[in-house]
């Protein structure tokens, strides 16, 4: 299986597990956050991670100079998209309660660690 499809499959499973855990936690705890807030944040971060991974993996098939450019573009785009989403979420949507902030950064951390894992694994397996 191609690496991009494999990573998409793993990302979908990882996101499903995150949403399942969030649903279970929300049923047991009576938090003041709705499940659709968690699913929106999770889906947006998943799309950003998918975009980053696809740009990065596309660059890995190019010559070495282009690989570096694709890596920088992927990480820069990830940073900018997450910054824009942060502004939209906290300032425009006014989701600034403690539970919203915690959920936002837990999902940010989880999906960023997934992206870093894929990038490091790809670079580790690539012969220099």
Protein backbone atom coordinates (compact mmCIF):
# COMPACT_ATOMS: atom_id res chain seq x y z
CA UNK A 1 0.00 0.00 0.00
CA UNK A 2 1.25 3.51 -0.82
CA UNK A 3 2.52 5.47 2.19
CA UNK A 4 -0.06 8.24 1.77
CA UNK A 5 -2.99 5.82 1.80
CA UNK A 6 -1.53 3.95 4.75
CA UNK A 7 -1.14 7.21 6.69
CA UNK A 8 -4.67 8.33 5.77
CA UNK A 9 -6.01 5.03 7.07
CA UNK A 10 -4.03 5.33 10.30
CA UNK A 11 -5.14 8.96 10.71
CA UNK A 12 -8.81 8.00 10.27
CA UNK A 13 -8.47 5.22 12.85
CA UNK A 14 -6.61 7.53 15.24
CA UNK A 15 -9.23 10.25 14.85
CA UNK A 16 -12.02 7.71 15.38
CA UNK A 17 -10.37 6.52 18.57
CA UNK A 18 -10.01 10.11 19.79
CA UNK A 19 -13.68 10.77 19.13
CA UNK A 20 -14.70 7.50 20.80
CA UNK A 21 -12.69 8.33 23.91
CA UNK A 22 -14.15 11.84 23.93
CA UNK A 23 -17.68 10.45 23.64
CA UNK A 24 -17.09 8.00 26.50
CA UNK A 25 -15.57 10.69 28.71
CA UNK A 26 -18.44 13.09 27.97
CA UNK A 27 -21.04 10.48 28.87
CA UNK A 28 -19.46 9.82 32.27
CA UNK A 29 -18.50 13.41 33.09
CA UNK A 30 -21.05 16.14 32.92
CA UNK A 31 -18.84 18.74 31.24
CA UNK A 32 -20.15 21.94 29.72
CA UNK A 33 -18.87 21.05 26.26
CA UNK A 34 -20.80 19.43 23.46
CA UNK A 35 -19.61 16.51 21.39
CA UNK A 36 -19.94 18.46 18.15
CA UNK A 37 -17.38 20.98 19.45
CA UNK A 38 -14.91 18.16 19.96
CA UNK A 39 -15.69 16.63 16.58
CA UNK A 40 -15.24 19.97 14.78
CA UNK A 41 -11.84 20.58 16.38
CA UNK A 42 -10.77 17.00 15.75
CA UNK A 43 -11.83 17.07 12.10
CA UNK A 44 -10.13 20.40 11.41
CA UNK A 45 -6.88 19.23 12.98
CA UNK A 46 -7.14 15.97 11.03
CA UNK A 47 -7.52 17.84 7.74
CA UNK A 48 -4.53 20.02 8.62
CA UNK A 49 -2.48 16.93 9.52
CA UNK A 50 -3.55 15.19 6.33
CA UNK A 51 -2.54 18.21 4.26
CA UNK A 52 0.83 18.41 5.99
CA UNK A 53 1.53 14.71 5.57
CA UNK A 54 0.49 14.64 1.92
CA UNK A 55 2.70 17.63 1.02
CA UNK A 56 5.60 16.13 2.95
CA UNK A 57 5.26 12.67 1.38
CA UNK A 58 4.87 14.15 -2.11
CA UNK A 59 8.15 15.95 -1.56
CA UNK A 60 9.89 12.73 -0.56
CA UNK A 61 9.53 11.41 -4.12
CA UNK A 62 11.38 14.45 -5.59
CA UNK A 63 15.07 15.27 -5.77
CA UNK A 64 16.82 16.30 -2.52
CA UNK A 65 16.51 20.08 -3.05
CA UNK A 66 12.79 19.77 -3.61
CA UNK A 67 12.42 17.49 -0.57
CA UNK A 68 13.68 20.24 1.70
CA UNK A 69 11.35 22.80 0.13
CA UNK A 70 8.34 20.48 0.45
CA UNK A 71 9.19 19.79 4.09
CA UNK A 72 9.43 23.48 4.90
CA UNK A 73 6.22 24.28 3.02
CA UNK A 74 4.36 21.46 4.78
CA UNK A 75 5.40 22.56 8.25
CA UNK A 76 4.89 26.26 7.52
CA UNK A 77 1.43 25.61 6.11
CA UNK A 78 0.58 23.50 9.17
CA UNK A 79 1.62 26.34 11.44
CA UNK A 80 -0.34 28.97 9.52
CA UNK A 81 -3.50 26.87 9.22
CA UNK A 82 -3.45 26.06 12.93
CA UNK A 83 -2.86 29.70 13.76
CA UNK A 84 -5.83 30.75 11.62
CA UNK A 85 -8.00 28.06 13.17
CA UNK A 86 -6.95 29.14 16.66
CA UNK A 87 -7.99 32.72 15.94
CA UNK A 88 -11.29 31.58 14.46
CA UNK A 89 -12.03 29.22 17.33
CA UNK A 90 -11.13 31.39 20.30
CA UNK A 91 -11.84 34.92 19.10
CA UNK A 92 -14.59 34.66 16.50
CA UNK A 93 -16.47 31.62 17.85
CA UNK A 94 -15.79 32.75 21.45
CA UNK A 95 -14.98 29.26 22.71
CA UNK A 96 -12.77 30.43 25.54
CA UNK A 97 -13.97 28.49 28.57
CA UNK A 98 -11.48 26.27 30.35
CA UNK A 99 -12.95 23.04 28.96
CA UNK A 100 -12.87 24.37 25.40
CA UNK A 101 -9.26 25.44 25.80
CA UNK A 102 -8.25 22.08 27.29
CA UNK A 103 -10.03 20.07 24.59
CA UNK A 104 -8.52 22.28 21.89
CA UNK A 105 -4.95 21.83 23.11
CA UNK A 106 -5.30 18.12 23.89
CA UNK A 107 -6.52 17.46 20.35
CA UNK A 108 -3.87 19.81 18.96
CA UNK A 109 -1.18 17.92 20.84
CA UNK A 110 -2.48 14.49 19.84
CA UNK A 111 -2.73 15.21 16.13
CA UNK A 112 0.52 17.18 16.04
CA UNK A 113 2.31 14.25 17.67
CA UNK A 114 0.79 11.97 15.03
CA UNK A 115 2.11 14.25 12.27
CA UNK A 116 5.56 14.39 13.87
CA UNK A 117 5.54 10.60 14.20
CA UNK A 118 4.82 10.14 10.48
CA UNK A 119 7.50 12.66 9.47
CA UNK A 120 10.16 11.21 11.76
CA UNK A 121 9.33 7.65 10.72
CA UNK A 122 9.58 8.61 7.05
CA UNK A 123 12.90 10.41 7.53
CA UNK A 124 14.28 7.58 9.66
CA UNK A 125 13.51 4.97 6.99
CA UNK A 126 14.92 7.09 4.17
CA UNK A 127 18.53 6.38 3.25
CA UNK A 128 20.62 9.54 3.00
